[in-house]
Amino acid sequence: MKNSIKVERAKKDLTQAKLAKLTGVSRQTINAIELGKYVPSALLALKMAQIFECQVEEIFQLEEGE
């Protein structure tokens, strides 16, 4: 799964730590999601979309074959 979290964080001037605090997870979790090593829960994806003021589909995209 691809994601644009790093880009969205930059638009909002958020660090990984700040986004982690806003979503209730660790900074390491945000880092793992950005690197594609961890797929977030639906709840976490929705929280991020709310923070970034966009749709979940704008942040997360399925890659070919998924």
C-alpha atoms as a PDB file:
ATOM      1  CA  MET A   1       0.000   0.000   0.000  1.00  0.00           C
ATOM      2  CA  LYS A   2       1.344   3.404  -0.994  1.00  0.00           C
ATOM      3  CA  ASN A   3       0.736   6.487   1.097  1.00  0.00           C
ATOM      4  CA  SER A   4       1.343  10.212   0.991  1.00  0.00           C
ATOM      5  CA  ILE A   5       1.594  10.834   4.728  1.00  0.00           C
ATOM      6  CA  LYS A   6       4.992  12.513   4.494  1.00  0.00           C
ATOM      7  CA  VAL A   7       3.662  14.962   1.881  1.00  0.00           C
ATOM      8  CA  GLU A   8       0.504  15.651   3.884  1.00  0.00           C
ATOM      9  CA  ARG A   9       2.562  16.211   7.051  1.00  0.00           C
ATOM     10  CA  ALA A  10       4.714  18.722   5.208  1.00  0.00           C
ATOM     11  CA  LYS A  11       1.627  20.618   4.005  1.00  0.00           C
ATOM     12  CA  LYS A  12       0.428  20.910   7.617  1.00  0.00           C
ATOM     13  CA  ASP A  13       3.957  21.461   9.009  1.00  0.00           C
ATOM     14  CA  LEU A  14       3.621  18.425  11.289  1.00  0.00           C
ATOM     15  CA  THR A  15       6.454  16.279  12.574  1.00  0.00           C
ATOM     16  CA  GLN A  16       6.048  12.535  12.943  1.00  0.00           C
ATOM     17  CA  ALA A  17       5.932  13.080  16.706  1.00  0.00           C
ATOM     18  CA  LYS A  18       3.159  15.681  16.479  1.00  0.00           C
ATOM     19  CA  LEU A  19       1.074  13.517  14.125  1.00  0.00           C
ATOM     20  CA  ALA A  20       1.603  10.574  16.467  1.00  0.00           C
ATOM     21  CA  LYS A  21       0.333  12.618  19.413  1.00  0.00           C
ATOM     22  CA  LEU A  22      -2.710  13.803  17.457  1.00  0.00           C
ATOM     23  CA  THR A  23      -3.609  10.257  16.401  1.00  0.00           C
ATOM     24  CA  GLY A  24      -2.768   8.523  19.686  1.00  0.00           C
ATOM     25  CA  VAL A  25       0.008   6.274  18.377  1.00  0.00           C
ATOM     26  CA  SER A  26       3.798   6.260  18.695  1.00  0.00           C
ATOM     27  CA  ARG A  27       6.168   8.133  16.409  1.00  0.00           C
ATOM     28  CA  GLN A  28       7.593   4.759  15.439  1.00  0.00           C
ATOM     29  CA  THR A  29       4.148   3.711  14.191  1.00  0.00           C
ATOM     30  CA  ILE A  30       3.915   6.807  11.991  1.00  0.00           C
ATOM     31  CA  ASN A  31       7.415   6.106  10.676  1.00  0.00           C
ATOM     32  CA  ALA A  32       6.544   2.463   9.913  1.00  0.00           C
ATOM     33  CA  ILE A  33       3.384   3.518   8.053  1.00  0.00           C
ATOM     34  CA  GLU A  34       5.302   6.096   6.003  1.00  0.00           C
ATOM     35  CA  LEU A  35       7.882   3.458   5.070  1.00  0.00           C
ATOM     36  CA  GLY A  36       5.159   1.013   4.038  1.00  0.00           C
ATOM     37  CA  LYS A  37       6.123  -1.476   6.745  1.00  0.00           C
ATOM     38  CA  TYR A  38       2.833  -1.217   8.626  1.00  0.00           C
ATOM     39  CA  VAL A  39      -0.756  -0.930   7.388  1.00  0.00           C
ATOM     40  CA  PRO A  40      -2.845   1.276   9.694  1.00  0.00           C
ATOM     41  CA  SER A  41      -6.211   0.273  11.071  1.00  0.00           C
ATOM     42  CA  ALA A  42      -9.304   1.804   9.515  1.00  0.00           C
ATOM     43  CA  LEU A  43      -9.718   3.965  12.611  1.00  0.00           C
ATOM     44  CA  LEU A  44      -6.171   5.326  12.379  1.00  0.00           C
ATOM     45  CA  ALA A  45      -6.533   5.969   8.641  1.00  0.00           C
ATOM     46  CA  LEU A  46      -9.763   7.890   9.290  1.00  0.00           C
ATOM     47  CA  LYS A  47      -8.112   9.946  12.056  1.00  0.00           C
ATOM     48  CA  MET A  48      -5.294  10.886   9.692  1.00  0.00           C
ATOM     49  CA  ALA A  49      -7.737  11.866   6.960  1.00  0.00           C
ATOM     50  CA  GLN A  50      -9.559  14.079   9.436  1.00  0.00           C
ATOM     51  CA  ILE A  51      -6.312  15.756  10.541  1.00  0.00           C
ATOM     52  CA  PHE A  52      -5.213  16.280   6.924  1.00  0.00           C
ATOM     53  CA  GLU A  53      -8.739  17.402   5.942  1.00  0.00           C
ATOM     54  CA  CYS A  54      -9.011  14.969   3.051  1.00  0.00           C
ATOM     55  CA  GLN A  55     -10.433  11.581   2.102  1.00  0.00           C
ATOM     56  CA  VAL A  56      -8.681   8.372   3.162  1.00  0.00           C
ATOM     57  CA  GLU A  57      -8.231   7.500  -0.529  1.00  0.00           C
ATOM     58  CA  GLU A  58      -6.155  10.653  -0.997  1.00  0.00           C
ATOM     59  CA  ILE A  59      -3.647   9.399   1.589  1.00  0.00           C
ATOM     60  CA  PHE A  60      -3.625   5.640   1.009  1.00  0.00           C
ATOM     61  CA  GLN A  61      -3.629   3.897  -2.385  1.00  0.00           C
ATOM     62  CA  LEU A  62      -3.524   0.193  -3.168  1.00  0.00           C
ATOM     63  CA  GLU A  63      -0.598  -0.896  -5.297  1.00  0.00           C
ATOM     64  CA  GLU A  64      -1.021  -3.132  -8.298  1.00  0.00           C
ATOM     65  CA  GLY A  65      -1.600  -6.726  -7.227  1.00  0.00           C
ATOM     66  CA  GLU A  66      -2.869  -5.942  -3.726  1.00  0.00           C
END
